[in-house]
Amino acid sequence: MMPSEQNMSAADEISGTGTIRYISLEGGFYGIAGDDGKKYLPLHLTQEFKADGLRVTFRPRVRTD
C-alpha cells in the first residue's frame, strides 16, 4: 500500500468512465478523457488498454506529488 493510500477515506475514492486517447505530443502517450470533462494520465497502462477510442470504466488513485 502506498503511504498516501493509508490516509484515504471513502469520500476520497473516485471512479468514472471515459475514453482512452492517444496524444502524439513529446513522443506520444495515452490518457483518459473522462466523461466528467477531466483529463487523467494513467501510469503503467497495460497494453490491452492502449487503444485510442476505447471506452473504459476506471477507479484512479490520485497522486499529489
PDB file of N, CA and C in Angstrom:
ATOM      1  N   MET A   1       0.852  -1.173   0.000  1.00  0.00           N
ATOM      2  CA  MET A   1       0.000   0.000   0.000  1.00  0.00           C
ATOM      3  C   MET A   1       0.897   1.236   0.000  1.00  0.00           C
ATOM      4  N   MET A   2       0.557   2.205  -0.809  1.00  0.00           N
ATOM      5  CA  MET A   2       1.302   3.449  -0.859  1.00  0.00           C
ATOM      6  C   MET A   2       0.965   4.292   0.363  1.00  0.00           C
ATOM      7  N   PRO A   3       1.913   5.088   0.870  1.00  0.00           N
ATOM      8  CA  PRO A   3       1.642   5.907   2.049  1.00  0.00           C
ATOM      9  C   PRO A   3       0.414   6.793   1.908  1.00  0.00           C
ATOM     10  N   SER A   4       0.204   7.369   0.736  1.00  0.00           N
ATOM     11  CA  SER A   4      -0.954   8.249   0.553  1.00  0.00           C
ATOM     12  C   SER A   4      -2.267   7.480   0.623  1.00  0.00           C
ATOM     13  N   GLU A   5      -2.236   6.178   0.297  1.00  0.00           N
ATOM     14  CA  GLU A   5      -3.449   5.367   0.350  1.00  0.00           C
ATOM     15  C   GLU A   5      -3.907   5.149   1.782  1.00  0.00           C
ATOM     16  N   GLN A   6      -2.975   5.129   2.718  1.00  0.00           N
ATOM     17  CA  GLN A   6      -3.317   4.889   4.111  1.00  0.00           C
ATOM     18  C   GLN A   6      -4.211   5.989   4.664  1.00  0.00           C
ATOM     19  N   ASN A   7      -4.084   7.186   4.127  1.00  0.00           N
ATOM     20  CA  ASN A   7      -4.844   8.327   4.615  1.00  0.00           C
ATOM     21  C   ASN A   7      -6.112   8.596   3.819  1.00  0.00           C
ATOM     22  N   MET A   8      -6.441   7.735   2.858  1.00  0.00           N
ATOM     23  CA  MET A   8      -7.619   7.959   2.031  1.00  0.00           C
ATOM     24  C   MET A   8      -8.864   7.425   2.719  1.00  0.00           C
ATOM     25  N   SER A   9      -9.929   8.198   2.668  1.00  0.00           N
ATOM     26  CA  SER A   9     -11.206   7.747   3.204  1.00  0.00           C
ATOM     27  C   SER A   9     -12.127   7.404   2.041  1.00  0.00           C
ATOM     28  N   ALA A  10     -13.293   6.867   2.351  1.00  0.00           N
ATOM     29  CA  ALA A  10     -14.262   6.526   1.304  1.00  0.00           C
ATOM     30  C   ALA A  10     -14.650   7.760   0.508  1.00  0.00           C
ATOM     31  N   ALA A  11     -14.651   8.920   1.149  1.00  0.00           N
ATOM     32  CA  ALA A  11     -15.012  10.163   0.462  1.00  0.00           C
ATOM     33  C   ALA A  11     -13.961  10.550  -0.575  1.00  0.00           C
ATOM     34  N   ASP A  12     -12.709  10.070  -0.394  1.00  0.00           N
ATOM     35  CA  ASP A  12     -11.627  10.387  -1.320  1.00  0.00           C
ATOM     36  C   ASP A  12     -11.633   9.485  -2.550  1.00  0.00           C
ATOM     37  N   GLU A  13     -12.344   8.378  -2.498  1.00  0.00           N
ATOM     38  CA  GLU A  13     -12.363   7.441  -3.607  1.00  0.00           C
ATOM     39  C   GLU A  13     -13.229   7.991  -4.735  1.00  0.00           C
ATOM     40  N   ILE A  14     -12.678   7.922  -5.946  1.00  0.00           N
ATOM     41  CA  ILE A  14     -13.425   8.399  -7.103  1.00  0.00           C
ATOM     42  C   ILE A  14     -13.459   7.302  -8.155  1.00  0.00           C
ATOM     43  N   SER A  15     -14.404   7.387  -9.034  1.00  0.00           N
ATOM     44  CA  SER A  15     -14.481   6.465 -10.160  1.00  0.00           C
ATOM     45  C   SER A  15     -15.124   7.215 -11.311  1.00  0.00           C
ATOM     46  N   GLY A  16     -14.988   6.668 -12.487  1.00  0.00           N
ATOM     47  CA  GLY A  16     -15.581   7.343 -13.626  1.00  0.00           C
ATOM     48  C   GLY A  16     -15.555   6.498 -14.875  1.00  0.00           C
ATOM     49  N   THR A  17     -16.017   7.108 -15.932  1.00  0.00           N
ATOM     50  CA  THR A  17     -15.991   6.492 -17.250  1.00  0.00           C
ATOM     51  C   THR A  17     -15.365   7.495 -18.203  1.00  0.00           C
ATOM     52  N   GLY A  18     -14.802   6.998 -19.269  1.00  0.00           N
ATOM     53  CA  GLY A  18     -14.181   7.886 -20.229  1.00  0.00           C
ATOM     54  C   GLY A  18     -13.682   7.127 -21.439  1.00  0.00           C
ATOM     55  N   THR A  19     -12.858   7.807 -22.216  1.00  0.00           N
ATOM     56  CA  THR A  19     -12.337   7.261 -23.461  1.00  0.00           C
ATOM     57  C   THR A  19     -10.824   7.378 -23.470  1.00  0.00           C
ATOM     58  N   ILE A  20     -10.148   6.282 -23.794  1.00  0.00           N
ATOM     59  CA  ILE A  20      -8.692   6.296 -23.940  1.00  0.00           C
ATOM     60  C   ILE A  20      -8.363   7.111 -25.185  1.00  0.00           C
ATOM     61  N   ARG A  21      -7.391   8.015 -25.049  1.00  0.00           N
ATOM     62  CA  ARG A  21      -6.946   8.836 -26.173  1.00  0.00           C
ATOM     63  C   ARG A  21      -5.433   8.773 -26.291  1.00  0.00           C
ATOM     64  N   TYR A  22      -4.952   8.627 -27.538  1.00  0.00           N
ATOM     65  CA  TYR A  22      -3.520   8.691 -27.790  1.00  0.00           C
ATOM     66  C   TYR A  22      -3.184  10.136 -28.114  1.00  0.00           C
ATOM     67  N   ILE A  23      -2.230  10.687 -27.386  1.00  0.00           N
ATOM     68  CA  ILE A  23      -1.797  12.070 -27.581  1.00  0.00           C
ATOM     69  C   ILE A  23      -0.398  12.027 -28.190  1.00  0.00           C
ATOM     70  N   SER A  24      -0.241  12.560 -29.399  1.00  0.00           N
ATOM     71  CA  SER A  24       1.054  12.497 -30.090  1.00  0.00           C
ATOM     72  C   SER A  24       1.897  13.732 -29.781  1.00  0.00           C
ATOM     73  N   LEU A  25       2.174  13.935 -28.519  1.00  0.00           N
ATOM     74  CA  LEU A  25       2.970  15.066 -28.043  1.00  0.00           C
ATOM     75  C   LEU A  25       4.200  14.514 -27.335  1.00  0.00           C
ATOM     76  N   GLU A  26       5.366  15.049 -27.640  1.00  0.00           N
ATOM     77  CA  GLU A  26       6.614  14.644 -26.990  1.00  0.00           C
ATOM     78  C   GLU A  26       6.816  13.134 -26.974  1.00  0.00           C
ATOM     79  N   GLY A  27       6.680  12.503 -28.104  1.00  0.00           N
ATOM     80  CA  GLY A  27       6.894  11.066 -28.201  1.00  0.00           C
ATOM     81  C   GLY A  27       5.634  10.238 -28.067  1.00  0.00           C
ATOM     82  N   GLY A  28       4.541  10.848 -27.636  1.00  0.00           N
ATOM     83  CA  GLY A  28       3.257  10.169 -27.550  1.00  0.00           C
ATOM     84  C   GLY A  28       2.994   9.508 -26.215  1.00  0.00           C
ATOM     85  N   PHE A  29       1.733   9.533 -25.814  1.00  0.00           N
ATOM     86  CA  PHE A  29       1.299   8.875 -24.585  1.00  0.00           C
ATOM     87  C   PHE A  29      -0.206   8.682 -24.632  1.00  0.00           C
ATOM     88  N   TYR A  30      -0.706   7.844 -23.750  1.00  0.00           N
ATOM     89  CA  TYR A  30      -2.141   7.592 -23.649  1.00  0.00           C
ATOM     90  C   TYR A  30      -2.698   8.300 -22.428  1.00  0.00           C
ATOM     91  N   GLY A  31      -3.866   8.864 -22.584  1.00  0.00           N
ATOM     92  CA  GLY A  31      -4.571   9.500 -21.487  1.00  0.00           C
ATOM     93  C   GLY A  31      -6.025   9.078 -21.514  1.00  0.00           C
ATOM     94  N   ILE A  32      -6.751   9.496 -20.491  1.00  0.00           N
ATOM     95  CA  ILE A  32      -8.183   9.215 -20.440  1.00  0.00           C
ATOM     96  C   ILE A  32      -8.921  10.542 -20.441  1.00  0.00           C
ATOM     97  N   ALA A  33      -9.824  10.709 -21.397  1.00  0.00           N
ATOM     98  CA  ALA A  33     -10.723  11.862 -21.422  1.00  0.00           C
ATOM     99  C   ALA A  33     -11.972  11.423 -20.672  1.00  0.00           C
ATOM    100  N   GLY A  34     -12.094  11.894 -19.439  1.00  0.00           N
ATOM    101  CA  GLY A  34     -13.220  11.484 -18.608  1.00  0.00           C
ATOM    102  C   GLY A  34     -14.528  12.091 -19.074  1.00  0.00           C
ATOM    103  N   ASP A  35     -15.601  11.361 -18.878  1.00  0.00           N
ATOM    104  CA  ASP A  35     -16.927  11.884 -19.212  1.00  0.00           C
ATOM    105  C   ASP A  35     -17.288  13.078 -18.332  1.00  0.00           C
ATOM    106  N   ASP A  36     -16.544  13.254 -17.230  1.00  0.00           N
ATOM    107  CA  ASP A  36     -16.766  14.386 -16.333  1.00  0.00           C
ATOM    108  C   ASP A  36     -16.051  15.648 -16.815  1.00  0.00           C
ATOM    109  N   GLY A  37     -15.379  15.555 -17.976  1.00  0.00           N
ATOM    110  CA  GLY A  37     -14.671  16.697 -18.540  1.00  0.00           C
ATOM    111  C   GLY A  37     -13.225  16.805 -18.082  1.00  0.00           C
ATOM    112  N   LYS A  38     -12.809  15.964 -17.142  1.00  0.00           N
ATOM    113  CA  LYS A  38     -11.436  15.990 -16.645  1.00  0.00           C
ATOM    114  C   LYS A  38     -10.562  15.080 -17.493  1.00  0.00           C
ATOM    115  N   LYS A  39      -9.260  15.359 -17.458  1.00  0.00           N
ATOM    116  CA  LYS A  39      -8.290  14.543 -18.182  1.00  0.00           C
ATOM    117  C   LYS A  39      -7.431  13.816 -17.155  1.00  0.00           C
ATOM    118  N   TYR A  40      -7.189  12.537 -17.413  1.00  0.00           N
ATOM    119  CA  TYR A  40      -6.429  11.702 -16.495  1.00  0.00           C
ATOM    120  C   TYR A  40      -5.221  11.134 -17.210  1.00  0.00           C
ATOM    121  N   LEU A  41      -4.095  11.066 -16.513  1.00  0.00           N
ATOM    122  CA  LEU A  41      -2.870  10.495 -17.063  1.00  0.00           C
ATOM    123  C   LEU A  41      -2.576   9.202 -16.316  1.00  0.00           C
ATOM    124  N   PRO A  42      -2.939   8.065 -16.905  1.00  0.00           N
ATOM    125  CA  PRO A  42      -2.701   6.790 -16.221  1.00  0.00           C
ATOM    126  C   PRO A  42      -1.220   6.413 -16.256  1.00  0.00           C
ATOM    127  N   LEU A  43      -0.723   5.905 -15.143  1.00  0.00           N
ATOM    128  CA  LEU A  43       0.642   5.400 -15.069  1.00  0.00           C
ATOM    129  C   LEU A  43       0.596   3.889 -15.215  1.00  0.00           C
ATOM    130  N   HIS A  44       1.548   3.337 -15.927  1.00  0.00           N
ATOM    131  CA  HIS A  44       1.657   1.885 -16.100  1.00  0.00           C
ATOM    132  C   HIS A  44       0.421   1.288 -16.771  1.00  0.00           C
ATOM    133  N   LEU A  45      -0.076   1.949 -17.799  1.00  0.00           N
ATOM    134  CA  LEU A  45      -1.225   1.441 -18.551  1.00  0.00           C
ATOM    135  C   LEU A  45      -0.805   0.179 -19.302  1.00  0.00           C
ATOM    136  N   THR A  46      -1.521  -0.909 -19.104  1.00  0.00           N
ATOM    137  CA  THR A  46      -1.154  -2.163 -19.764  1.00  0.00           C
ATOM    138  C   THR A  46      -1.516  -2.117 -21.250  1.00  0.00           C
ATOM    139  N   GLN A  47      -0.855  -2.964 -22.012  1.00  0.00           N
ATOM    140  CA  GLN A  47      -1.002  -2.982 -23.466  1.00  0.00           C
ATOM    141  C   GLN A  47      -2.458  -3.130 -23.912  1.00  0.00           C
ATOM    142  N   GLU A  48      -3.232  -3.930 -23.210  1.00  0.00           N
ATOM    143  CA  GLU A  48      -4.619  -4.177 -23.615  1.00  0.00           C
ATOM    144  C   GLU A  48      -5.476  -2.912 -23.598  1.00  0.00           C
ATOM    145  N   PHE A  49      -5.050  -1.887 -22.858  1.00  0.00           N
ATOM    146  CA  PHE A  49      -5.810  -0.643 -22.791  1.00  0.00           C
ATOM    147  C   PHE A  49      -5.228   0.457 -23.675  1.00  0.00           C
ATOM    148  N   LYS A  50      -4.147   0.172 -24.372  1.00  0.00           N
ATOM    149  CA  LYS A  50      -3.536   1.164 -25.254  1.00  0.00           C
ATOM    150  C   LYS A  50      -4.204   1.121 -26.617  1.00  0.00           C
ATOM    151  N   ALA A  51      -5.442   1.610 -26.659  1.00  0.00           N
ATOM    152  CA  ALA A  51      -6.231   1.616 -27.892  1.00  0.00           C
ATOM    153  C   ALA A  51      -7.022   2.916 -27.949  1.00  0.00           C
ATOM    154  N   ASP A  52      -6.636   3.804 -28.851  1.00  0.00           N
ATOM    155  CA  ASP A  52      -7.311   5.091 -28.984  1.00  0.00           C
ATOM    156  C   ASP A  52      -8.798   4.881 -29.261  1.00  0.00           C
ATOM    157  N   GLY A  53      -9.637   5.521 -28.480  1.00  0.00           N
ATOM    158  CA  GLY A  53     -11.078   5.418 -28.668  1.00  0.00           C
ATOM    159  C   GLY A  53     -11.745   4.374 -27.792  1.00  0.00           C
ATOM    160  N   LEU A  54     -10.961   3.611 -27.042  1.00  0.00           N
ATOM    161  CA  LEU A  54     -11.511   2.563 -26.174  1.00  0.00           C
ATOM    162  C   LEU A  54     -12.275   3.183 -25.007  1.00  0.00           C
ATOM    163  N   ARG A  55     -13.504   2.748 -24.808  1.00  0.00           N
ATOM    164  CA  ARG A  55     -14.319   3.211 -23.677  1.00  0.00           C
ATOM    165  C   ARG A  55     -13.928   2.408 -22.441  1.00  0.00           C
ATOM    166  N   VAL A  56     -13.750   3.099 -21.318  1.00  0.00           N
ATOM    167  CA  VAL A  56     -13.322   2.436 -20.087  1.00  0.00           C
ATOM    168  C   VAL A  56     -14.086   2.956 -18.875  1.00  0.00           C
ATOM    169  N   THR A  57     -14.146   2.112 -17.871  1.00  0.00           N
ATOM    170  CA  THR A  57     -14.584   2.499 -16.535  1.00  0.00           C
ATOM    171  C   THR A  57     -13.337   2.394 -15.675  1.00  0.00           C
ATOM    172  N   PHE A  58     -13.082   3.385 -14.837  1.00  0.00           N
ATOM    173  CA  PHE A  58     -11.840   3.385 -14.076  1.00  0.00           C
ATOM    174  C   PHE A  58     -12.064   3.877 -12.652  1.00  0.00           C
ATOM    175  N   ARG A  59     -11.124   3.508 -11.791  1.00  0.00           N
ATOM    176  CA  ARG A  59     -11.134   3.948 -10.402  1.00  0.00           C
ATOM    177  C   ARG A  59      -9.697   4.347 -10.067  1.00  0.00           C
ATOM    178  N   PRO A  60      -9.347   5.596 -10.319  1.00  0.00           N
ATOM    179  CA  PRO A  60      -7.954   6.021 -10.156  1.00  0.00           C
ATOM    180  C   PRO A  60      -7.563   6.280  -8.705  1.00  0.00           C
ATOM    181  N   ARG A  61      -6.271   6.184  -8.467  1.00  0.00           N
ATOM    182  CA  ARG A  61      -5.680   6.640  -7.214  1.00  0.00           C
ATOM    183  C   ARG A  61      -4.975   7.941  -7.563  1.00  0.00           C
ATOM    184  N   VAL A  62      -5.362   9.011  -6.956  1.00  0.00           N
ATOM    185  CA  VAL A  62      -4.833  10.328  -7.283  1.00  0.00           C
ATOM    186  C   VAL A  62      -3.481  10.531  -6.612  1.00  0.00           C
ATOM    187  N   ARG A  63      -2.491  10.952  -7.401  1.00  0.00           N
ATOM    188  CA  ARG A  63      -1.165  11.281  -6.868  1.00  0.00           C
ATOM    189  C   ARG A  63      -1.064  12.783  -6.741  1.00  0.00           C
ATOM    190  N   THR A  64      -0.503  13.234  -5.661  1.00  0.00           N
ATOM    191  CA  THR A  64      -0.356  14.673  -5.449  1.00  0.00           C
ATOM    192  C   THR A  64       1.096  15.120  -5.524  1.00  0.00           C
ATOM    193  N   ASP A  65       2.003  14.210  -5.870  1.00  0.00           N
ATOM    194  CA  ASP A  65       3.415  14.591  -5.945  1.00  0.00           C
ATOM    195  C   ASP A  65       3.836  15.004  -7.326  1.00  0.00           C
TER     196      ASP A  65
END
